[in-house]
Protein backbone atom coordinates (compact mmCIF):
# COMPACT_ATOMS: atom_id res chain seq x y z
CA MET A 1 130.06 107.13 112.59
CA ARG A 2 127.52 104.40 111.84
CA TRP A 3 126.97 103.69 115.52
CA LEU A 4 125.85 107.32 115.90
CA ARG A 5 122.95 106.75 113.49
CA GLY A 6 121.41 104.26 115.87
CA GLN A 7 121.18 106.82 118.66
CA THR A 8 118.11 108.88 119.44
CA ILE A 9 117.94 112.53 118.42
CA ARG A 10 118.29 113.47 122.08
CA GLY A 11 121.38 111.29 122.41
CA ARG A 12 122.97 112.67 119.24
CA ILE A 13 122.35 116.26 120.31
CA THR A 14 123.87 115.58 123.73
CA LEU A 15 126.88 113.76 122.27
CA TRP A 16 127.66 116.49 119.77
CA ALA A 17 127.18 119.14 122.45
CA VAL A 18 129.63 117.31 124.75
CA LEU A 19 132.21 116.99 121.96
CA ILE A 20 131.94 120.69 121.16
CA ALA A 21 132.13 121.54 124.87
CA ILE A 22 135.31 119.46 125.22
CA LEU A 23 136.93 121.34 122.34
CA LEU A 24 135.89 124.77 123.59
CA VAL A 25 136.71 124.14 127.25
CA SER A 26 140.08 122.57 126.36
CA ALA A 27 140.96 125.53 124.16
CA ALA A 28 139.89 127.96 126.91
CA ALA A 29 141.91 126.05 129.56
CA PHE A 30 145.03 125.98 127.39
CA ALA A 31 144.66 129.68 126.61
CA PHE A 32 144.18 130.51 130.29
CA ARG A 33 147.20 128.44 131.32
CA ALA A 34 149.33 130.03 128.60
CA GLY A 35 148.23 133.47 129.79
CA VAL A 36 149.13 132.65 133.38
CA ASP A 37 152.54 131.35 132.28
CA THR A 38 153.17 134.59 130.39
CA ILE A 39 152.18 136.72 133.37
CA VAL A 40 154.30 134.68 135.78
CA ALA A 41 157.30 134.82 133.44
CA SER A 42 156.95 138.59 133.02
CA SER A 43 156.61 139.12 136.78
CA THR A 44 159.62 136.91 137.49
CA HIS A 45 161.74 138.72 134.93
CA THR A 46 160.78 142.11 136.37
CA LEU A 47 161.50 140.92 139.92
CA LEU A 48 164.90 139.50 139.03
CA THR A 49 166.06 142.51 137.03
CA SER A 50 165.02 144.89 139.80
CA SER A 51 167.12 142.96 142.31
CA GLY A 52 170.29 143.67 140.27
CA ALA A 53 169.50 147.34 139.54
CA ALA A 54 171.78 148.65 142.34
CA TYR A 55 174.76 146.65 141.04
CA GLU A 56 174.14 147.84 137.50
CA SER A 57 174.14 151.47 138.71
CA ALA A 58 177.35 150.93 140.62
CA ILE A 59 179.03 149.47 137.52
CA HIS A 60 177.98 152.43 135.41
CA ASP A 61 179.15 154.86 138.15
CA GLY A 62 182.50 153.09 138.42
CA THR A 63 182.13 152.32 142.14
CA VAL A 64 182.82 148.62 141.73
CA GLY A 65 185.12 148.30 144.69
CA GLY A 66 182.48 148.41 147.34
CA PHE A 67 179.70 146.08 146.19
CA SER A 68 177.34 145.27 149.05
CA ARG A 69 176.46 141.66 149.69
CA PRO A 70 173.07 140.56 148.27
CA GLY A 71 170.11 140.18 150.58
CA GLU A 72 169.28 136.93 152.30
CA ASP A 73 166.63 135.93 149.74
CA GLN A 74 168.56 137.23 146.74
CA LEU A 75 170.34 134.79 144.46
CA LEU A 76 172.75 136.97 142.52
CA ALA A 77 176.28 137.03 141.16
CA VAL A 78 178.38 139.79 139.55
CA VAL A 79 181.04 138.71 137.05
CA ASN A 80 183.72 141.24 135.95
CA PRO A 81 185.22 141.47 132.48
CA GLU A 82 187.96 139.01 133.54
CA ASP A 83 185.25 136.39 134.16
CA LYS A 84 185.86 136.53 137.92
CA ILE A 85 182.99 136.46 140.39
CA VAL A 86 183.05 139.69 142.35
CA VAL A 87 179.90 139.12 144.42
CA THR A 88 177.78 136.00 144.69
CA SER A 89 174.98 134.50 146.70
CA LEU A 90 174.27 131.76 144.19
CA PRO A 91 174.11 128.17 145.38
CA ARG A 92 177.06 125.94 144.55
CA SER A 93 175.12 124.19 141.78
CA LEU A 94 174.79 127.50 139.90
CA GLU A 95 178.28 128.85 140.71
CA ASP A 96 179.76 125.80 139.02
CA ARG A 97 177.93 126.85 135.83
CA ILE A 98 178.76 130.55 135.98
CA LYS A 99 180.37 130.61 132.54
CA HIS A 100 177.30 128.94 131.08
CA LEU A 101 175.01 131.39 132.86
CA ALA A 102 177.03 134.36 131.59
CA GLY A 103 176.47 133.11 128.06
CA LEU A 104 172.67 132.96 128.33
CA GLU A 105 170.58 135.15 126.08
CA HIS A 106 168.87 138.24 127.33
CA GLY A 107 165.55 137.46 128.95
CA LEU A 108 164.21 134.87 131.35
CA ASN A 109 165.86 131.46 131.10
CA THR A 110 165.19 128.20 132.89
CA VAL A 111 168.13 126.16 134.17
CA ARG A 112 167.34 122.64 135.32
CA ILE A 113 169.66 121.15 137.96
CA THR A 114 167.79 117.95 138.81
CA ALA A 115 164.39 116.50 137.89
CA ARG A 116 162.68 118.62 140.57
CA LEU A 117 165.18 121.45 141.05
CA GLN A 118 165.28 124.25 138.50
CA TYR A 119 165.95 127.98 138.53
CA ASP A 120 164.71 131.00 136.62
CA VAL A 121 167.82 132.92 135.56
CA VAL A 122 168.34 136.37 134.00
CA ASN A 123 171.71 137.33 132.54
CA GLU A 124 172.10 141.13 132.39
CA VAL A 125 174.97 142.35 130.29
CA VAL A 126 176.51 145.73 131.30
CA ALA A 127 178.94 147.20 128.77
CA THR A 128 181.60 149.61 130.12
CA PRO A 129 184.78 151.13 128.68
CA GLY A 130 186.74 148.62 130.73
CA GLY A 131 184.87 145.58 129.40
CA THR A 132 181.60 143.69 129.75
CA TRP A 133 180.13 142.86 133.12
CA HIS A 134 177.48 140.21 133.80
CA ILE A 135 174.89 140.39 136.53
CA ILE A 136 173.34 136.93 137.06
CA GLU A 137 170.01 136.94 138.94
CA ALA A 138 168.32 133.65 139.82
CA ARG A 139 165.20 132.41 141.57
CA ASN A 140 164.16 128.92 142.63
CA SER A 141 161.11 128.14 140.45
CA GLU A 142 160.03 125.02 142.36
CA SER A 143 157.36 126.79 144.39
CA GLY A 144 156.04 128.67 141.35
CA GLN A 145 155.97 125.45 139.38
CA ASP A 146 153.99 123.79 142.15
CA VAL A 147 151.48 126.63 141.96
CA LEU A 148 151.21 126.29 138.19
CA ASN A 149 150.80 122.50 138.48
CA GLY A 150 148.07 123.03 141.05
CA LEU A 151 146.40 125.52 138.74
CA THR A 152 146.58 122.99 135.89
CA LEU A 153 144.92 120.37 138.09
CA VAL A 154 142.18 122.80 139.08
CA LEU A 155 141.64 123.71 135.43
CA ALA A 156 141.43 120.05 134.44
CA ILE A 157 138.94 119.23 137.20
CA GLY A 158 136.92 122.35 136.40
CA ALA A 159 136.91 121.48 132.68
CA VAL A 160 135.68 117.94 133.38
CA LEU A 161 132.93 119.22 135.69
CA LEU A 162 131.98 121.88 133.17
CA VAL A 163 131.72 119.33 130.34
CA ILE A 164 129.67 116.97 132.52
CA GLY A 165 127.38 119.81 133.54
CA PHE A 166 127.06 120.99 129.95
CA GLY A 167 126.20 117.47 128.79
CA ALA A 168 123.61 117.00 131.56
CA THR A 169 122.08 120.39 130.80
CA THR A 170 121.92 119.59 127.09
CA TRP A 171 120.27 116.24 127.85
CA ILE A 172 117.62 117.92 130.00
CA VAL A 173 117.02 120.88 127.67
CA SER A 174 116.84 118.70 124.55
CA GLY A 175 114.38 116.44 126.35
CA LEU A 176 112.19 119.42 127.18
CA ALA A 177 112.49 120.73 123.61
CA LEU A 178 111.57 117.34 122.12
CA ARG A 179 108.66 116.75 124.49
CA PRO A 180 106.17 118.38 122.07
CA VAL A 181 107.47 116.04 119.36
CA SER A 182 106.74 113.05 121.63
CA ARG A 183 103.24 114.35 122.28
CA MET A 184 102.80 114.90 118.55
CA ARG A 185 103.91 111.32 117.87
CA GLU A 186 101.49 109.95 120.48
CA GLN A 187 98.66 112.03 119.01
CA ALA A 188 99.53 110.80 115.51
CA SER A 189 99.47 107.22 116.77
CA LEU A 190 96.01 107.77 118.25
CA LEU A 191 94.80 109.38 115.01
CA SER A 192 96.02 106.42 112.98
CA HIS A 193 93.78 104.09 115.01
CA SER A 194 90.70 106.30 115.12
CA ALA A 195 88.11 107.39 112.60
CA THR A 196 87.77 110.94 113.91
CA ALA A 197 88.49 114.06 111.90
CA ASP A 198 90.92 115.41 114.52
CA THR A 199 94.34 116.74 113.58
CA LEU A 200 97.60 117.31 115.41
CA PRO A 201 97.58 120.15 117.93
CA VAL A 202 99.37 123.31 116.80
CA GLY A 203 101.13 125.24 119.56
CA PRO A 204 100.54 128.95 120.15
CA VAL A 205 104.19 129.76 119.38
CA HIS A 206 105.02 130.04 115.67
CA ASP A 207 108.19 127.95 115.73
CA GLU A 208 109.55 124.95 113.81
CA LEU A 209 107.30 122.51 115.70
CA SER A 210 104.13 124.44 114.93
CA ALA A 211 105.20 124.62 111.28
CA LEU A 212 105.80 120.84 111.33
CA ALA A 213 102.37 120.27 112.89
CA GLU A 214 100.69 122.43 110.23
CA THR A 215 102.51 120.57 107.45
CA LEU A 216 101.56 117.19 108.92
CA ASN A 217 97.96 118.34 109.36
CA ALA A 218 97.84 119.33 105.69
CA PHE A 219 99.27 115.91 104.81
CA ILE A 220 96.75 114.13 107.06
CA THR A 221 93.90 116.11 105.52
CA SER A 222 95.13 115.26 102.02
CA VAL A 223 95.47 111.57 102.85
CA ARG A 224 92.02 111.48 104.43
CA SER A 225 90.54 113.27 101.45
CA SER A 226 92.20 110.79 99.11
CA ALA A 227 91.01 107.86 101.22
CA ASP A 228 87.49 109.31 101.31
CA ARG A 229 87.55 109.67 97.53
CA GLU A 230 88.70 106.09 97.14
CA ARG A 231 86.03 104.80 99.51
CA GLN A 232 83.40 106.87 97.72
CA MET A 233 84.70 105.61 94.38
CA VAL A 234 84.45 101.99 95.51
CA ALA A 235 81.01 102.54 97.01
CA ASP A 236 79.70 104.36 93.93
CA ALA A 237 81.28 101.89 91.55
CA SER A 238 79.86 98.88 93.39
CA HIS A 239 76.44 100.51 93.41
CA GLU A 240 76.52 101.52 89.76
CA LEU A 241 78.05 98.27 88.51
CA ARG A 242 75.57 96.11 90.40
CA THR A 243 72.63 97.07 88.19
CA PRO A 244 74.18 96.52 84.73
CA VAL A 245 75.81 93.28 85.87
CA ALA A 246 72.44 92.01 87.15
CA VAL A 247 70.75 93.12 83.91
CA LEU A 248 73.45 91.44 81.83
CA ARG A 249 73.06 88.20 83.81
CA THR A 250 69.28 88.28 83.27
CA GLN A 251 69.67 88.96 79.57
CA LEU A 252 72.07 86.06 79.17
CA GLN A 253 69.66 83.77 81.03
CA LEU A 254 66.85 84.88 78.71
CA ALA A 255 69.14 84.24 75.76
CA HIS A 256 69.62 80.66 76.98
CA LEU A 257 65.85 80.26 77.29
CA SER A 258 65.44 81.62 73.77
CA SER A 259 67.94 79.27 72.20
CA GLY A 260 65.18 77.68 70.08
CA ASP A 261 63.85 81.02 68.79
CA ALA A 262 66.39 82.80 66.56
CA THR A 263 64.56 86.12 66.57
CA ALA A 264 64.18 86.22 70.36
CA LEU A 265 67.77 85.03 70.81
CA GLU A 266 69.08 87.83 68.56
CA LYS A 267 67.02 90.38 70.50
CA GLU A 268 68.41 89.25 73.84
CA ILE A 269 72.00 89.15 72.51
CA THR A 270 71.62 92.68 71.12
CA ALA A 271 70.27 93.88 74.46
CA ALA A 272 73.16 92.17 76.25
CA GLU A 273 75.65 93.87 73.93
CA GLY A 274 74.13 97.25 74.80
CA THR A 275 74.36 96.52 78.51
CA LEU A 276 77.96 95.33 78.09
CA HIS A 277 78.79 98.52 76.17
CA ARG A 278 77.37 100.63 79.00
CA LEU A 279 79.32 98.55 81.54
CA SER A 280 82.51 99.06 79.53
CA ASN A 281 81.93 102.83 79.37
CA LEU A 282 81.29 102.94 83.10
CA THR A 283 84.51 101.10 84.03
CA THR A 284 86.53 103.16 81.52
CA ASN A 285 85.22 106.41 82.98
CA LEU A 286 85.92 105.22 86.52
CA LEU A 287 89.53 104.43 85.61
CA THR A 288 89.89 107.77 83.82
CA LEU A 289 88.55 109.68 86.81
CA SER A 290 90.83 107.79 89.21
CA ARG A 291 93.86 108.49 87.01
CA ILE A 292 93.15 112.20 86.74
CA GLU A 293 92.68 112.64 90.50
CA ALA A 294 95.83 110.65 91.36
CA GLU A 295 98.33 112.02 88.84
CA GLU A 296 100.83 114.82 89.39
CA PRO A 297 100.18 118.38 88.13
CA PRO A 298 100.00 118.22 84.31
CA PRO A 299 102.73 119.61 82.03
CA ALA A 300 102.35 122.69 79.85
CA THR A 301 100.71 122.27 76.44
CA SER A 302 100.89 124.83 73.63
CA GLY A 303 97.88 126.49 72.06
CA GLU A 304 98.74 124.89 68.73
CA THR A 305 98.45 121.39 70.25
CA LEU A 306 95.22 122.26 72.04
CA VAL A 307 93.64 123.56 68.82
CA ALA A 308 94.62 120.32 67.08
CA GLU A 309 92.95 118.30 69.85
CA PHE A 310 89.92 120.60 69.70
CA LEU A 311 89.52 120.04 65.95
CA GLY A 312 89.81 116.29 66.44
CA SER A 313 87.04 116.45 69.03
CA MET A 314 84.89 118.44 66.62
CA ASP A 315 85.33 115.77 63.94
CA ARG A 316 84.08 113.15 66.39
CA ALA A 317 81.24 115.45 67.50
CA ILE A 318 80.04 115.93 63.89
CA VAL A 319 79.86 112.17 63.41
CA LEU A 320 78.05 111.76 66.74
CA GLY A 321 75.59 114.57 65.95
CA SER A 322 74.77 113.12 62.57
CA MET A 323 73.21 110.12 64.26
CA THR A 324 70.48 112.32 65.77
CA ALA A 325 70.41 115.06 63.13
CA VAL A 326 72.16 117.57 65.43
CA SER A 327 74.62 119.91 63.73
CA VAL A 328 77.79 121.20 65.37
CA ASP A 329 79.04 124.75 64.81
CA PHE A 330 82.54 125.48 66.16
CA SER A 331 85.29 128.12 66.14
CA SER A 332 88.86 128.35 67.47
CA ALA A 333 90.21 131.32 65.51
CA LYS A 334 91.14 133.40 68.57
CA VAL A 335 93.61 130.92 70.08
CA ARG A 336 97.25 131.93 69.60
CA PRO A 337 99.65 129.02 68.86
CA LYS A 338 102.28 130.15 71.42
CA ILE A 339 100.09 130.24 74.53
CA ARG A 340 100.62 127.53 77.14
CA VAL A 341 98.11 125.81 79.43
CA ALA A 342 98.78 123.30 82.23
CA ILE A 343 96.75 120.40 80.84
CA ARG A 344 97.51 117.13 79.08
CA PRO A 345 96.37 117.02 75.44
CA ILE A 346 94.45 113.76 76.00
CA ASP A 347 92.65 115.27 79.00
CA PHE A 348 91.74 118.39 77.04
CA ALA A 349 90.28 116.23 74.28
CA GLY A 350 88.32 114.24 76.88
CA LEU A 351 87.01 117.46 78.43
CA VAL A 352 85.73 118.72 75.07
CA ASP A 353 84.32 115.32 74.10
CA ASN A 354 82.31 115.00 77.33
CA LEU A 355 80.80 118.49 77.20
CA VAL A 356 79.93 118.31 73.51
CA ALA A 357 78.53 114.77 73.78
CA ASN A 358 76.27 115.89 76.65
CA ALA A 359 75.12 118.89 74.59
CA ILE A 360 74.33 116.70 71.55
CA ALA A 361 72.47 114.16 73.68
CA ALA A 362 70.37 116.93 75.27
CA SER A 363 69.51 118.64 71.95
CA PRO A 364 66.42 117.76 69.91
CA ARG A 365 66.62 116.64 66.28
CA GLY A 366 67.51 119.46 63.92
CA ALA A 367 69.09 121.59 66.68
CA THR A 368 72.57 123.12 66.61
CA VAL A 369 75.30 122.83 69.23
CA SER A 370 77.71 125.79 69.27
CA VAL A 371 81.27 125.29 70.51
CA ASN A 372 83.79 128.13 70.82
CA LEU A 373 87.42 128.03 71.98
CA ALA A 374 89.09 131.40 72.61
CA ALA A 375 91.93 132.95 74.63
CA ALA A 376 91.19 136.20 76.47
CA ASP A 377 92.31 137.93 79.70
CA ASP A 378 95.05 135.35 80.45
CA GLN A 379 92.53 132.52 80.19
CA LEU A 380 91.61 129.84 77.70
CA VAL A 381 87.79 129.77 77.51
CA LEU A 382 85.72 126.88 76.13
CA THR A 383 82.00 127.58 75.66
CA VAL A 384 79.43 124.93 74.70
CA LEU A 385 75.84 125.98 73.98
CA ASP A 386 72.88 123.67 73.35
CA SER A 387 69.16 124.23 72.85
CA GLY A 388 67.95 121.17 74.72
CA HIS A 389 65.66 120.66 77.67
CA GLY A 390 68.02 122.44 80.10
CA MET A 391 68.71 121.61 83.74
CA SER A 392 66.70 122.33 86.86
CA GLU A 393 67.92 124.82 89.46
CA GLU A 394 68.13 122.00 92.01
CA PHE A 395 70.42 119.92 89.79
CA LEU A 396 72.95 122.62 88.86
CA PRO A 397 74.82 122.64 92.26
CA VAL A 398 75.43 118.85 92.04
CA ALA A 399 75.81 118.57 88.27
CA PHE A 400 79.56 117.87 88.52
CA ASP A 401 79.23 115.21 91.23
CA ARG A 402 79.77 111.55 90.39
CA PHE A 403 76.86 109.46 89.19
CA THR A 404 74.39 112.35 89.22
CA ARG A 405 71.88 112.72 86.40
CA ALA A 406 69.24 115.33 85.81
CA ALA A 407 65.70 114.06 86.06
CA SER A 408 65.14 115.09 82.44
CA SER A 409 68.40 113.65 81.12
CA ARG A 410 68.56 110.98 78.47
CA PRO A 411 67.50 107.47 79.48
CA ARG A 412 70.07 105.27 81.10
CA PRO A 413 70.05 102.61 78.37
CA SER A 414 71.56 105.18 76.03
CA GLY A 415 74.84 104.80 77.80
CA GLY A 416 75.04 107.74 80.25
CA SER A 417 77.06 106.85 83.33
CA GLY A 418 76.84 110.10 85.30
CA LEU A 419 80.63 110.44 85.22
CA GLY A 420 81.15 112.74 82.23
CA LEU A 421 80.82 116.03 84.12
CA ALA A 422 82.76 114.59 87.08
CA ILE A 423 85.65 113.87 84.70
CA VAL A 424 85.37 117.41 83.33
CA ARG A 425 85.61 118.91 86.81
CA ALA A 426 88.56 116.66 87.76
CA ILE A 427 90.48 117.76 84.64
CA VAL A 428 89.69 121.43 85.22
CA VAL A 429 90.59 121.33 88.94
CA ARG A 430 93.90 119.60 88.15
CA SER A 431 94.71 122.53 85.84
CA ASP A 432 93.62 125.18 88.42
CA GLY A 433 90.70 126.18 86.19
CA ASP A 434 86.93 126.52 86.64
CA ALA A 435 83.84 124.90 85.09
CA ARG A 436 80.28 126.30 85.25
CA LEU A 437 76.87 125.30 83.99
CA GLY A 438 73.90 127.62 83.59
CA PRO A 439 70.63 128.02 81.73
CA ARG A 440 70.30 130.02 78.51
CA ALA A 441 67.59 132.67 78.16
CA GLU A 442 66.46 131.15 74.84
CA GLY A 443 66.42 127.63 76.32
CA GLY A 444 69.08 125.02 76.76
CA THR A 445 72.29 124.99 78.75
CA ARG A 446 75.52 126.96 78.64
CA ALA A 447 78.74 125.21 79.76
CA ILE A 448 81.81 127.39 80.28
CA VAL A 449 85.30 126.11 81.14
CA THR A 450 88.17 128.52 81.90
CA LEU A 451 91.82 127.42 82.12
CA PRO A 452 94.55 129.87 83.22
CA LEU A 453 97.35 130.63 80.77
CA LEU A 454 100.90 130.03 82.01
CA ALA A 455 103.31 132.95 82.15
CA GLY A 456 106.03 133.15 79.54
């Protein structure tokens, strides 16, 4: 069947339809011919037995001495119990076989004389006190056979024409049914060479083709969205990397110029190390963001594992806060160990690290950052509170976008890349959660992340 794989869908549909039509039409023709044969045989048997009814009555009545001669078209013979022919109109070829005919079983029998000459014969047995009589009725079946052969030829020709017509109809109908697919393919080819936001047309009828078009449109939209993200990533990365690379080049040039001054050389090397550190953070965050957006839906993680990651993040936050005299107050007592959340442990730790690091960086010396992890109403809720400078109303709608920084945020040399909140949103979206930022009445910013708990 390998050759069938190289055929078009239209060709395969037509071929299979023709094969099925051949089987069905052949079965119908054979059944029809068998039915006709049965009807003809039954009619012939009835006709032959009726022609010998008068002789059978005479034998039963005992008036066997005055049998009348059969009609001109009747082929009949009466054989008495002594195996003598009393009356006959059979042709010589059958009379010579009278003993054989008298031994035939009850019912319609076929006796072949030559290749073309054959007779339908019925042997009626009449039992009397004086012995057993035989009434042999016969009929030349040549004409009936010619009719049946003609019927077979007509059936064969009709079956061939029917199969051809069925195949042609299937070819036309399948072509009409596949025409929307051809138009869809042409439209897809045009879309692949254009930069428009068009999608495949969806027909008004809700059938398999419209469902296919909707599925392909969703795929096209997803691919375009992914391509747009990649292009935006490349554009943003090239823009953001250009500045630190240029600064690093300048600092290295100044270091060369300061080769004779140890103090100036150390200053330029230290500055270059800071720029390199910021460049490393930027590239690491870009790779992290790309990985999160490209990976499959995350597996389930238990509450016990998430609490362990949360405590690890708090240890790092305490060390980070100590550098600027910012204390960190945290709690995770309301998280049950058996709950499950669709998030990777490493991503959850990164989410907490980013939010808490932003809160520490925004808080003044001596301030306190409060972090709370709790499970309530089928959600895992992470809340981070700081008492820093806060965010403007204009910045809040774009706070989670890539490479966005509040006007009052920490200076760029401190290492901020503008990707921390973008990474947070990517992690939360991948887990079907939500992340929000808002001002606090007493000053500072409130960050709230909610992650849905999995059933079971």
